[in-house]
Amino acid sequence: MNSEYSMCPNPLVQFLQKSPEEFTKKDIIDFIEQNGIEMLNFHYIGGDGRIKTLNFVILNREHLEQVLQAGERVDGSSLFSHMQAGSSDLYVVPKYKSAFVNPFSEIPTLGLFCRYFDKDGQPLASSPGNILMRAHDELLKETGYELHAMGELEYYLISEREPLFEARDQRAYHESFPFTKWEELRKEAMYYIAQMGGKIKYGHSEVGNFHDEIFNYEQNEIEFLPTRIDEAAEQLILGKWVLRSLAYKYDVNLSLAPKITVGKAGSGLHIHMKLMKDGISAMEQDGRMSDAARKAIAGILELSSSLTAFGNTVPTSYLRLVPHQEAPTNICWGDRNRSVLVRVPLGWSGAADKMIQIANKTATNDSIDASEKQTFEFRCPDGSADIYLLLAGLTVAVRKGLQDPDALNKAEKLYVDVNIFDDEHKDVMNRLDQLPTNCYESAQELKKQLNIYEEGGVFPENILKSLIEKLEAYDDNNLSEKLCELPDQERFERIFEIVQRYMHC
């Protein structure tokens, strides 16, 4: 057995003794034959951002060969609102590297993610997954850099109130059982996601915790490791699917909504990114953040208002983006600063070797390259995000920053090193541009920057215009102001109605 794969939780990697990138059709068939797999599932993402499933009973080897080689035909007009029924047939073709054993099926089942292809056998231009692939191909071609990413899945579990060992209101950060009641569900989700090929960094309870007379609301988080941008998207989508499936199994409500109620912590979908060049992190240069990373941040800040169209797509998204809730409202960046839009998390900078020796008398002089861990974090998206389009938009923004000759100057002007929500720093906040405050404003910002997303043929015009129409249809312009004008009880009832409507994004 290859020691490189001996601790991998993915049973296909263990069995085949190779990385998923190397999986072949023969490998998939060998695994199916020798592990008693009886069914095959194709998975692909619809226009609503949810996983869709096509089930196959494996009839014989010839049937399996055919399905794995040619894929299958599906009705695109039922999957995407922009497709017409008169010409909507599409192909879904499996990606062997994505194969996983389905942990929820009583019948032994293997699942594979698919790509969409049109009638001519070309990648479907309007498919969100293919838009992301085009965005990254254009980044690599124009700049020579790759972009790796990962996300933080924050979610609330809503269950009957258990008064024994209640966590303090809004003080549940990294709380342990029994003060957190759903640790086992989180651990089970992490275990399944890892078995299915997801690269998980860690999981923990989050700060959000509150209760009313009937229900307890408990916030948790699962954070992934940076990986190739297309894999990062699928891991997040897979993670949401696993969490919801487990919630159904445990008969508990689970919400990834950006806001559950006013005055309590909302749930974000923070996206961490790092630039790669020739397979090596390009985030640091002479012990400091590299110019390339600063340029990338400048590009993201420049497009940040329109990026909300992909990452903050329901009216309650903007109930989360308010001061004093560790959510950004202004366009700026900084180091270790949770009040900014783009945060550069604490790095190790050579400290790892010192700390381990202080903590352990038995520590040796082993050294690690901690620069590989450095990322920058985009903090405004939430669970309503179209994950493929969000990551595609961020990739476009990174390319724009890397190609902008004035990017370093723009980055310097937008750097802050204070908490901009503190009263003593209002002057800093006042000089910064603000993010949109509702879906309607987000749509207007996307209109202003349409041409940037269309450059290089990355985003099709009809996809962007369809998204603008969807955001404008919420009719939520000045929603916060209108809510504030209502009497207290009526305002509470109206907010409760809005939150309930978008509880599942």
Protein backbone atom coordinates (compact mmCIF):
# COMPACT_ATOMS: atom_id res chain seq x y z
CA MET A 1 0.00 0.00 0.00
CA ASN A 2 1.25 3.47 -0.96
CA SER A 3 1.82 5.42 2.27
CA GLU A 4 0.75 8.60 0.44
CA TYR A 5 -2.83 7.29 0.39
CA SER A 6 -2.88 5.19 3.58
CA MET A 7 -4.72 7.80 5.68
CA CYS A 8 -7.03 9.14 2.97
CA PRO A 9 -10.70 8.77 4.05
CA ASN A 10 -11.92 8.42 0.44
CA PRO A 11 -12.57 4.67 -0.14
CA LEU A 12 -11.91 4.99 -3.89
CA VAL A 13 -8.46 6.46 -3.25
CA GLN A 14 -7.75 3.71 -0.73
CA PHE A 15 -8.87 0.98 -3.13
CA LEU A 16 -7.26 2.33 -6.30
CA GLN A 17 -4.12 3.69 -4.61
CA LYS A 18 -4.07 6.80 -6.77
CA SER A 19 -5.29 10.39 -6.60
CA PRO A 20 -8.74 11.26 -7.98
CA GLU A 21 -7.10 13.24 -10.82
CA GLU A 22 -5.81 9.91 -12.13
CA PHE A 23 -9.11 7.98 -12.00
CA THR A 24 -10.05 6.29 -15.29
CA LYS A 25 -13.21 4.64 -16.53
CA LYS A 26 -11.62 1.24 -15.89
CA ASP A 27 -10.84 2.30 -12.30
CA ILE A 28 -14.47 3.23 -11.70
CA ILE A 29 -15.69 -0.07 -13.14
CA ASP A 30 -13.15 -2.08 -11.11
CA PHE A 31 -14.28 -0.37 -7.91
CA ILE A 32 -17.95 -0.98 -8.73
CA GLU A 33 -17.38 -4.67 -9.51
CA GLN A 34 -15.22 -5.44 -6.49
CA ASN A 35 -17.18 -3.44 -3.92
CA GLY A 36 -20.72 -4.57 -4.62
CA ILE A 37 -21.97 -1.25 -6.04
CA GLU A 38 -25.44 -1.78 -7.53
CA MET A 39 -26.50 1.72 -8.61
CA LEU A 40 -24.94 4.78 -10.23
CA ASN A 41 -25.98 8.41 -9.69
CA PHE A 42 -25.14 11.33 -11.96
CA HIS A 43 -25.11 14.70 -10.17
CA TYR A 44 -25.16 18.16 -11.71
CA ILE A 45 -26.16 21.65 -10.59
CA GLY A 46 -29.36 23.27 -11.83
CA GLY A 47 -30.07 26.94 -12.29
CA ASP A 48 -31.30 27.10 -8.69
CA GLY A 49 -27.85 26.08 -7.41
CA ARG A 50 -29.03 22.73 -6.01
CA ILE A 51 -27.69 19.28 -6.78
CA LYS A 52 -29.79 17.34 -9.29
CA THR A 53 -29.67 13.53 -9.51
CA LEU A 54 -30.17 10.94 -12.25
CA ASN A 55 -30.32 7.31 -11.01
CA PHE A 56 -29.13 4.24 -12.92
CA VAL A 57 -29.52 0.58 -11.98
CA ILE A 58 -26.34 -1.10 -13.20
CA LEU A 59 -27.60 -3.81 -15.58
CA ASN A 60 -24.33 -5.30 -16.78
CA ARG A 61 -20.77 -4.31 -17.65
CA GLU A 62 -21.72 -3.22 -21.18
CA HIS A 63 -24.42 -0.91 -19.82
CA LEU A 64 -22.01 0.55 -17.25
CA GLU A 65 -19.33 1.11 -19.93
CA GLN A 66 -21.82 2.94 -22.11
CA VAL A 67 -23.12 5.23 -19.34
CA LEU A 68 -19.63 6.11 -18.14
CA GLN A 69 -18.39 6.73 -21.69
CA ALA A 70 -21.27 8.65 -23.28
CA GLY A 71 -23.14 10.18 -20.35
CA GLU A 72 -26.87 10.76 -20.73
CA ARG A 73 -29.38 13.21 -22.19
CA VAL A 74 -31.38 15.63 -19.97
CA ASP A 75 -33.98 18.38 -20.43
CA GLY A 76 -32.17 21.70 -20.10
CA SER A 77 -35.37 23.79 -20.05
CA SER A 78 -36.38 22.09 -16.78
CA LEU A 79 -32.95 22.78 -15.29
CA PHE A 80 -32.30 26.36 -16.47
CA SER A 81 -34.86 29.16 -16.78
CA HIS A 82 -32.99 30.76 -19.69
CA MET A 83 -33.40 27.68 -21.94
CA GLN A 84 -36.38 27.25 -24.28
CA ALA A 85 -38.32 23.98 -24.40
CA GLY A 86 -38.12 23.94 -28.21
CA SER A 87 -34.36 23.23 -28.17
CA SER A 88 -33.34 22.14 -24.74
CA ASP A 89 -31.70 18.72 -24.94
CA LEU A 90 -28.34 18.62 -23.19
CA TYR A 91 -25.74 15.98 -22.40
CA VAL A 92 -24.44 15.35 -18.87
CA VAL A 93 -21.03 13.65 -18.94
CA PRO A 94 -19.43 12.25 -15.76
CA LYS A 95 -16.10 13.42 -14.32
CA TYR A 96 -14.30 10.32 -13.09
CA LYS A 97 -12.24 12.22 -10.53
CA SER A 98 -15.42 13.24 -8.70
CA ALA A 99 -16.60 9.67 -7.96
CA PHE A 100 -17.80 9.00 -4.40
CA VAL A 101 -19.73 6.38 -2.45
CA ASN A 102 -23.13 7.76 -1.47
CA PRO A 103 -23.35 7.59 2.36
CA PHE A 104 -27.14 8.05 2.43
CA SER A 105 -28.24 5.29 0.07
CA GLU A 106 -29.29 1.92 1.50
CA ILE A 107 -28.54 0.40 -1.91
CA PRO A 108 -24.74 0.56 -2.51
CA THR A 109 -24.45 3.53 -4.86
CA LEU A 110 -21.64 5.44 -6.56
CA GLY A 111 -22.12 9.12 -7.43
CA LEU A 112 -20.29 11.25 -10.00
CA PHE A 113 -20.51 14.96 -10.74
CA CYS A 114 -21.10 15.82 -14.40
CA ARG A 115 -20.39 18.63 -16.85
CA TYR A 116 -23.02 19.95 -19.25
CA PHE A 117 -22.49 19.75 -23.04
CA ASP A 118 -24.61 21.15 -25.87
CA LYS A 119 -25.99 19.39 -28.98
CA ASP A 120 -22.64 19.81 -30.76
CA GLY A 121 -20.69 18.14 -27.95
CA GLN A 122 -19.20 21.42 -26.72
CA PRO A 123 -19.24 22.57 -23.07
CA LEU A 124 -22.56 24.37 -22.54
CA ALA A 125 -21.65 28.08 -22.57
CA SER A 126 -24.37 29.09 -20.11
CA SER A 127 -23.69 26.37 -17.51
CA PRO A 128 -22.42 27.96 -14.27
CA GLY A 129 -19.77 25.25 -13.92
CA ASN A 130 -18.48 25.90 -17.42
CA ILE A 131 -18.51 29.67 -16.81
CA LEU A 132 -16.21 29.07 -13.85
CA MET A 133 -13.88 26.91 -15.94
CA ARG A 134 -13.73 29.61 -18.64
CA ALA A 135 -12.99 32.29 -16.06
CA HIS A 136 -10.08 30.31 -14.71
CA ASP A 137 -8.74 29.37 -18.14
CA GLU A 138 -8.75 33.09 -19.07
CA LEU A 139 -6.94 33.99 -15.82
CA LEU A 140 -4.23 31.42 -16.48
CA LYS A 141 -3.84 32.39 -20.15
CA GLU A 142 -3.65 36.15 -19.51
CA THR A 143 -1.61 36.23 -16.28
CA GLY A 144 0.08 32.85 -15.76
CA TYR A 145 -1.52 32.55 -12.32
CA GLU A 146 -3.95 29.97 -11.01
CA LEU A 147 -6.47 30.72 -8.28
CA HIS A 148 -7.15 28.27 -5.46
CA ALA A 149 -10.08 28.81 -3.13
CA MET A 150 -12.02 27.43 -0.22
CA GLY A 151 -15.15 28.41 1.67
CA GLU A 152 -16.51 28.51 5.20
CA LEU A 153 -20.00 26.98 5.45
CA GLU A 154 -21.85 28.63 8.33
CA TYR A 155 -25.31 27.36 9.21
CA TYR A 156 -27.93 27.32 11.96
CA LEU A 157 -29.60 24.24 13.40
CA ILE A 158 -33.06 24.94 14.80
CA SER A 159 -34.40 22.41 17.30
CA GLU A 160 -36.66 22.17 20.32
CA ARG A 161 -35.24 24.08 23.24
CA GLU A 162 -33.18 22.01 25.67
CA PRO A 163 -32.69 24.13 28.81
CA LEU A 164 -29.96 21.91 30.26
CA PHE A 165 -26.45 23.29 29.64
CA GLU A 166 -27.53 26.21 27.48
CA ALA A 167 -24.75 28.22 25.84
CA ARG A 168 -24.72 31.95 26.53
CA ASP A 169 -26.47 34.12 23.98
CA GLN A 170 -24.08 35.00 21.11
CA ARG A 171 -21.18 33.40 23.01
CA ALA A 172 -20.99 29.92 21.43
CA TYR A 173 -17.72 30.36 19.49
CA HIS A 174 -15.85 27.01 19.63
CA GLU A 175 -18.19 25.82 22.38
CA SER A 176 -18.11 22.10 23.20
CA PHE A 177 -20.73 19.48 23.95
CA PRO A 178 -22.94 19.56 26.03
CA PHE A 179 -23.15 23.37 25.70
CA THR A 180 -23.48 22.80 21.96
CA LYS A 181 -26.12 20.23 21.10
CA TRP A 182 -25.33 19.40 17.46
CA GLU A 183 -21.63 18.59 17.52
CA GLU A 184 -22.25 15.00 16.40
CA LEU A 185 -24.19 16.08 13.31
CA ARG A 186 -21.33 18.42 12.37
CA LYS A 187 -18.74 15.68 12.86
CA GLU A 188 -20.80 13.19 10.88
CA ALA A 189 -21.11 15.72 8.03
CA MET A 190 -17.34 16.29 8.05
CA TYR A 191 -16.70 12.55 7.99
CA TYR A 192 -19.00 11.99 5.01
CA ILE A 193 -17.71 14.99 3.08
CA ALA A 194 -14.13 13.77 3.53
CA GLN A 195 -15.10 10.27 2.37
CA MET A 196 -16.70 11.84 -0.69
CA GLY A 197 -13.51 13.65 -1.64
CA GLY A 198 -13.92 16.96 0.17
CA LYS A 199 -10.79 18.54 1.67
CA ILE A 200 -11.84 19.78 5.11
CA LYS A 201 -9.75 22.06 7.30
CA TYR A 202 -11.85 21.86 10.47
CA GLY A 203 -15.30 22.28 12.00
CA HIS A 204 -16.54 24.06 15.12
CA SER A 205 -19.51 25.74 16.75
CA GLU A 206 -19.85 29.40 15.80
CA VAL A 207 -20.69 32.48 17.84
CA GLY A 208 -24.40 32.50 17.01
CA ASN A 209 -26.57 30.94 19.69
CA PHE A 210 -29.93 32.06 21.01
CA HIS A 211 -33.32 30.69 21.98
CA ASP A 212 -36.94 31.63 22.36
CA GLU A 213 -39.60 29.89 24.44
CA ILE A 214 -39.83 26.95 22.03
CA PHE A 215 -36.71 26.66 19.89
CA ASN A 216 -32.95 26.72 20.23
CA TYR A 217 -30.88 28.23 17.41
CA GLU A 218 -27.31 26.97 17.22
CA GLN A 219 -24.71 28.11 14.70
CA ASN A 220 -21.94 25.84 13.40
CA GLU A 221 -19.27 26.05 10.72
CA ILE A 222 -17.34 23.68 8.47
CA GLU A 223 -14.27 25.14 6.77
CA PHE A 224 -12.49 23.63 3.80
CA LEU A 225 -8.89 23.70 2.58
CA PRO A 226 -7.82 25.70 -0.49
CA THR A 227 -7.92 23.67 -3.68
CA ARG A 228 -8.45 24.16 -7.41
CA ILE A 229 -11.27 26.60 -8.03
CA ASP A 230 -13.61 24.06 -9.70
CA GLU A 231 -13.05 21.56 -6.89
CA ALA A 232 -13.67 24.31 -4.31
CA ALA A 233 -17.09 24.98 -5.85
CA GLU A 234 -18.11 21.33 -5.85
CA GLN A 235 -16.92 20.84 -2.27
CA LEU A 236 -19.16 23.66 -1.04
CA ILE A 237 -22.16 22.38 -3.00
CA LEU A 238 -21.50 18.86 -1.74
CA GLY A 239 -21.16 20.17 1.82
CA LYS A 240 -24.53 21.92 1.68
CA TRP A 241 -26.15 18.75 0.32
CA VAL A 242 -24.63 16.55 3.06
CA LEU A 243 -25.65 18.96 5.83
CA ARG A 244 -29.23 19.19 4.61
CA SER A 245 -29.43 15.41 4.16
CA LEU A 246 -28.23 14.84 7.72
CA ALA A 247 -30.64 17.45 9.07
CA TYR A 248 -33.46 15.54 7.35
CA LYS A 249 -32.15 12.29 8.85
CA TYR A 250 -32.07 13.83 12.35
CA ASP A 251 -35.43 15.58 11.84
CA VAL A 252 -33.98 18.99 12.63
CA ASN A 253 -34.27 22.20 10.63
CA LEU A 254 -31.03 23.53 9.11
CA SER A 255 -30.61 26.92 7.48
CA LEU A 256 -27.73 28.49 5.58
CA ALA A 257 -29.70 31.73 5.32
CA PRO A 258 -27.74 34.95 5.84
CA LYS A 259 -30.05 36.10 8.62
CA ILE A 260 -32.25 34.21 11.06
CA THR A 261 -33.37 37.20 13.11
CA VAL A 262 -32.33 40.79 13.67
CA GLY A 263 -29.72 41.49 16.33
CA LYS A 264 -28.14 38.03 16.23
CA ALA A 265 -25.15 36.77 14.25
CA GLY A 266 -25.90 36.00 10.63
CA SER A 267 -24.32 33.24 8.56
CA GLY A 268 -21.77 34.07 5.90
CA LEU A 269 -19.98 32.11 3.20
CA HIS A 270 -16.49 33.59 3.50
CA ILE A 271 -14.30 32.72 0.51
CA HIS A 272 -10.54 32.37 1.03
CA MET A 273 -8.27 32.55 -2.01
CA LYS A 274 -4.61 32.22 -2.86
CA LEU A 275 -2.64 32.77 -6.05
CA MET A 276 -0.54 29.92 -7.39
CA LYS A 277 2.29 30.05 -9.92
CA ASP A 278 3.72 26.81 -11.32
CA GLY A 279 2.16 24.86 -8.45
CA ILE A 280 3.66 27.07 -5.73
CA SER A 281 1.94 29.72 -3.60
CA ALA A 282 2.55 33.24 -4.91
CA MET A 283 1.13 34.95 -1.82
CA GLU A 284 4.37 36.03 -0.14
CA GLN A 285 7.43 37.89 -1.34
CA ASP A 286 10.46 38.58 0.90
CA GLY A 287 8.44 37.87 4.05
CA ARG A 288 5.52 40.16 3.10
CA MET A 289 2.38 39.91 1.02
CA SER A 290 3.38 39.80 -2.63
CA ASP A 291 2.57 42.53 -5.13
CA ALA A 292 0.55 39.99 -7.11
CA ALA A 293 -1.66 39.27 -4.08
CA ARG A 294 -2.17 43.00 -3.47
CA LYS A 295 -3.15 43.51 -7.10
CA ALA A 296 -5.62 40.63 -6.85
CA ILE A 297 -7.18 42.21 -3.75
CA ALA A 298 -7.43 45.56 -5.56
CA GLY A 299 -9.31 43.86 -8.40
CA ILE A 300 -11.77 42.24 -6.00
CA LEU A 301 -12.38 45.54 -4.22
CA GLU A 302 -13.03 47.28 -7.54
CA LEU A 303 -15.70 44.74 -8.53
CA SER A 304 -16.98 44.05 -5.02
CA SER A 305 -20.28 45.91 -5.35
CA SER A 306 -21.26 43.92 -8.45
CA LEU A 307 -19.91 40.68 -6.94
CA THR A 308 -22.76 40.89 -4.43
CA ALA A 309 -25.07 39.99 -7.35
CA PHE A 310 -23.51 36.50 -7.26
CA GLY A 311 -22.83 36.20 -3.54
CA ASN A 312 -25.75 37.98 -1.80
CA THR A 313 -28.83 37.06 -3.76
CA VAL A 314 -31.84 37.36 -1.40
CA PRO A 315 -33.23 40.36 0.50
CA THR A 316 -32.13 38.99 3.88
CA SER A 317 -28.53 39.06 2.63
CA TYR A 318 -28.52 42.77 3.34
CA LEU A 319 -29.95 42.40 6.85
CA ARG A 320 -26.65 40.65 7.61
CA LEU A 321 -24.40 43.31 6.06
CA VAL A 322 -24.76 45.81 8.88
CA PRO A 323 -22.24 47.35 11.34
CA HIS A 324 -21.12 45.57 14.54
CA GLN A 325 -22.02 42.03 13.32
CA GLU A 326 -18.56 41.05 11.98
CA ALA A 327 -19.96 41.55 8.48
CA PRO A 328 -18.58 44.14 6.04
CA THR A 329 -20.43 47.23 4.86
CA ASN A 330 -17.60 49.27 3.33
CA ILE A 331 -15.12 48.55 0.54
CA CYS A 332 -11.66 48.19 2.08
CA TRP A 333 -9.13 45.58 3.15
CA GLY A 334 -6.73 44.95 6.02
CA ASP A 335 -4.67 42.48 8.03
CA ARG A 336 -6.43 40.36 10.67
CA ASN A 337 -9.32 42.86 10.60
CA ARG A 338 -12.86 41.47 10.75
CA SER A 339 -14.52 44.81 9.98
CA VAL A 340 -13.14 44.92 6.43
CA LEU A 341 -14.42 43.43 3.19
CA VAL A 342 -11.19 41.60 2.30
CA ARG A 343 -9.24 40.30 5.28
CA VAL A 344 -5.71 38.92 5.26
CA PRO A 345 -5.78 36.30 8.06
CA LEU A 346 -2.95 35.87 10.52
CA GLY A 347 -0.04 34.06 8.91
CA TRP A 348 2.74 32.05 10.50
CA SER A 349 5.78 33.86 9.04
CA GLY A 350 8.28 31.45 10.52
CA ALA A 351 6.61 31.40 13.95
CA ALA A 352 5.42 27.79 13.68
CA ASP A 353 8.86 26.31 14.38
CA LYS A 354 9.32 28.50 17.46
CA MET A 355 5.86 27.90 18.90
CA ILE A 356 5.97 24.11 18.64
CA GLN A 357 9.28 24.00 20.48
CA ILE A 358 7.95 26.20 23.27
CA ALA A 359 4.83 24.03 23.58
CA ASN A 360 6.69 20.69 23.41
CA LYS A 361 10.02 19.81 24.98
CA THR A 362 10.15 16.81 22.65
CA ALA A 363 9.76 18.88 19.46
CA THR A 364 12.49 18.43 16.86
CA ASN A 365 13.92 21.02 14.52
CA ASP A 366 11.58 20.02 11.69
CA SER A 367 10.46 22.96 9.57
CA ILE A 368 7.35 23.60 7.45
CA ASP A 369 6.73 26.07 4.67
CA ALA A 370 4.03 28.15 6.37
CA SER A 371 3.74 30.48 3.37
CA GLU A 372 1.54 27.83 1.73
CA LYS A 373 -1.12 28.58 4.35
CA GLN A 374 -1.49 32.30 3.54
CA THR A 375 -4.78 33.40 1.93
CA PHE A 376 -6.96 36.48 1.59
CA GLU A 377 -10.65 36.31 2.51
CA PHE A 378 -13.70 37.86 0.81
CA ARG A 379 -16.19 38.29 3.64
CA CYS A 380 -19.51 39.49 2.22
CA PRO A 381 -21.01 36.38 0.48
CA ASP A 382 -23.55 34.19 2.23
CA GLY A 383 -25.41 30.90 1.80
CA SER A 384 -27.66 32.34 -0.91
CA ALA A 385 -24.67 32.59 -3.27
CA ASP A 386 -24.60 30.94 -6.67
CA ILE A 387 -21.29 29.30 -5.84
CA TYR A 388 -20.10 28.69 -9.40
CA LEU A 389 -20.92 32.23 -10.53
CA LEU A 390 -19.48 33.77 -7.35
CA LEU A 391 -16.14 32.00 -7.80
CA ALA A 392 -16.18 32.84 -11.51
CA GLY A 393 -16.81 36.50 -10.68
CA LEU A 394 -13.98 36.51 -8.13
CA THR A 395 -11.67 34.95 -10.73
CA VAL A 396 -12.58 37.71 -13.21
CA ALA A 397 -11.87 40.31 -10.50
CA VAL A 398 -8.48 38.78 -9.71
CA ARG A 399 -7.55 38.86 -13.39
CA LYS A 400 -8.60 42.50 -13.62
CA GLY A 401 -6.43 43.41 -10.66
CA LEU A 402 -3.39 41.58 -11.97
CA GLN A 403 -3.71 43.36 -15.33
CA ASP A 404 -4.36 46.85 -13.87
CA PRO A 405 -1.16 48.98 -13.92
CA ASP A 406 -2.56 51.13 -11.08
CA ALA A 407 -3.67 48.21 -8.88
CA LEU A 408 -0.98 48.61 -6.20
CA ASN A 409 -1.88 52.28 -5.75
CA LYS A 410 -5.58 51.39 -5.45
CA ALA A 411 -4.79 48.71 -2.88
CA GLU A 412 -2.75 51.15 -0.79
CA LYS A 413 -5.58 53.71 -0.74
CA LEU A 414 -8.14 51.14 0.43
CA TYR A 415 -6.01 49.58 3.20
CA VAL A 416 -7.24 50.20 6.76
CA ASP A 417 -5.74 49.10 10.06
CA VAL A 418 -8.56 50.09 12.46
CA ASN A 419 -12.05 48.83 13.28
CA ILE A 420 -14.05 51.10 11.01
CA PHE A 421 -17.21 50.55 13.09
CA ASP A 422 -15.68 52.21 16.16
CA ASP A 423 -17.02 55.73 16.72
CA GLU A 424 -13.50 57.11 16.94
CA HIS A 425 -12.80 55.98 13.37
CA LYS A 426 -15.92 57.34 11.66
CA ASP A 427 -13.71 59.53 9.48
CA VAL A 428 -12.19 56.37 7.98
CA MET A 429 -15.60 54.83 7.29
CA ASN A 430 -16.92 58.04 5.73
CA ARG A 431 -14.18 58.14 3.10
CA LEU A 432 -14.87 54.57 1.97
CA ASP A 433 -17.44 53.49 -0.61
CA GLN A 434 -20.28 51.34 0.70
CA LEU A 435 -21.52 47.96 -0.50
CA PRO A 436 -25.07 47.75 -1.88
CA THR A 437 -27.77 47.71 0.79
CA ASN A 438 -30.33 45.61 -1.11
CA CYS A 439 -30.75 43.32 -4.12
CA TYR A 440 -31.96 46.18 -6.33
CA GLU A 441 -28.78 48.19 -5.72
CA SER A 442 -26.70 45.08 -6.33
CA ALA A 443 -28.38 44.63 -9.71
CA GLN A 444 -27.60 48.24 -10.67
CA GLU A 445 -23.93 47.74 -9.77
CA LEU A 446 -23.81 44.64 -11.97
CA LYS A 447 -25.30 46.64 -14.85
CA LYS A 448 -22.44 49.15 -14.58
CA GLN A 449 -19.76 46.45 -14.86
CA LEU A 450 -21.36 43.96 -17.26
CA ASN A 451 -18.63 44.43 -19.88
CA ILE A 452 -15.90 43.38 -17.43
CA TYR A 453 -17.55 40.01 -16.76
CA GLU A 454 -18.19 39.47 -20.47
CA GLU A 455 -14.53 40.05 -21.45
CA GLY A 456 -12.88 36.99 -22.94
CA GLY A 457 -16.30 35.37 -23.41
CA VAL A 458 -16.42 34.35 -19.74
CA PHE A 459 -19.98 35.33 -18.75
CA PRO A 460 -22.74 35.06 -21.38
CA GLU A 461 -24.84 38.22 -21.60
CA ASN A 462 -28.13 36.36 -21.14
CA ILE A 463 -26.96 34.86 -17.82
CA LEU A 464 -26.04 38.27 -16.41
CA LYS A 465 -29.27 39.90 -17.59
CA SER A 466 -31.33 37.04 -16.19
CA LEU A 467 -29.63 37.52 -12.82
CA ILE A 468 -30.29 41.28 -12.91
CA GLU A 469 -33.98 40.65 -13.60
CA LYS A 470 -34.16 38.20 -10.71
CA LEU A 471 -32.58 40.66 -8.27
CA GLU A 472 -34.77 43.55 -9.39
CA ALA A 473 -37.90 41.40 -9.09
CA TYR A 474 -37.50 41.29 -5.30
CA ASP A 475 -38.50 44.97 -5.30
CA ASP A 476 -36.51 45.51 -2.11
CA ASN A 477 -35.10 48.97 -2.84
CA ASN A 478 -35.02 50.96 0.44
CA LEU A 479 -36.34 47.91 2.30
CA SER A 480 -34.38 48.70 5.48
CA GLU A 481 -35.63 52.28 5.54
CA LYS A 482 -39.23 51.12 5.04
CA LEU A 483 -38.90 48.60 7.87
CA CYS A 484 -37.51 51.24 10.23
CA GLU A 485 -40.59 53.41 9.66
CA LEU A 486 -42.95 50.71 10.91
CA PRO A 487 -44.16 50.45 14.54
CA ASP A 488 -42.13 47.98 16.59
CA GLN A 489 -44.58 45.07 16.53
CA GLU A 490 -45.38 45.48 12.85
CA ARG A 491 -41.66 45.74 12.03
CA PHE A 492 -40.93 42.55 13.96
CA GLU A 493 -43.74 40.68 12.16
CA ARG A 494 -42.59 41.93 8.76
CA ILE A 495 -38.97 40.95 9.38
CA PHE A 496 -40.07 37.53 10.66
CA GLU A 497 -42.11 37.01 7.46
CA ILE A 498 -39.14 37.97 5.25
CA VAL A 499 -36.73 35.74 7.17
CA GLN A 500 -39.09 32.77 6.94
CA ARG A 501 -39.53 33.27 3.20
CA TYR A 502 -35.79 32.99 2.58
CA MET A 503 -34.94 30.53 5.35
CA HIS A 504 -33.62 28.07 2.78
CA CYS A 505 -32.19 30.68 0.38
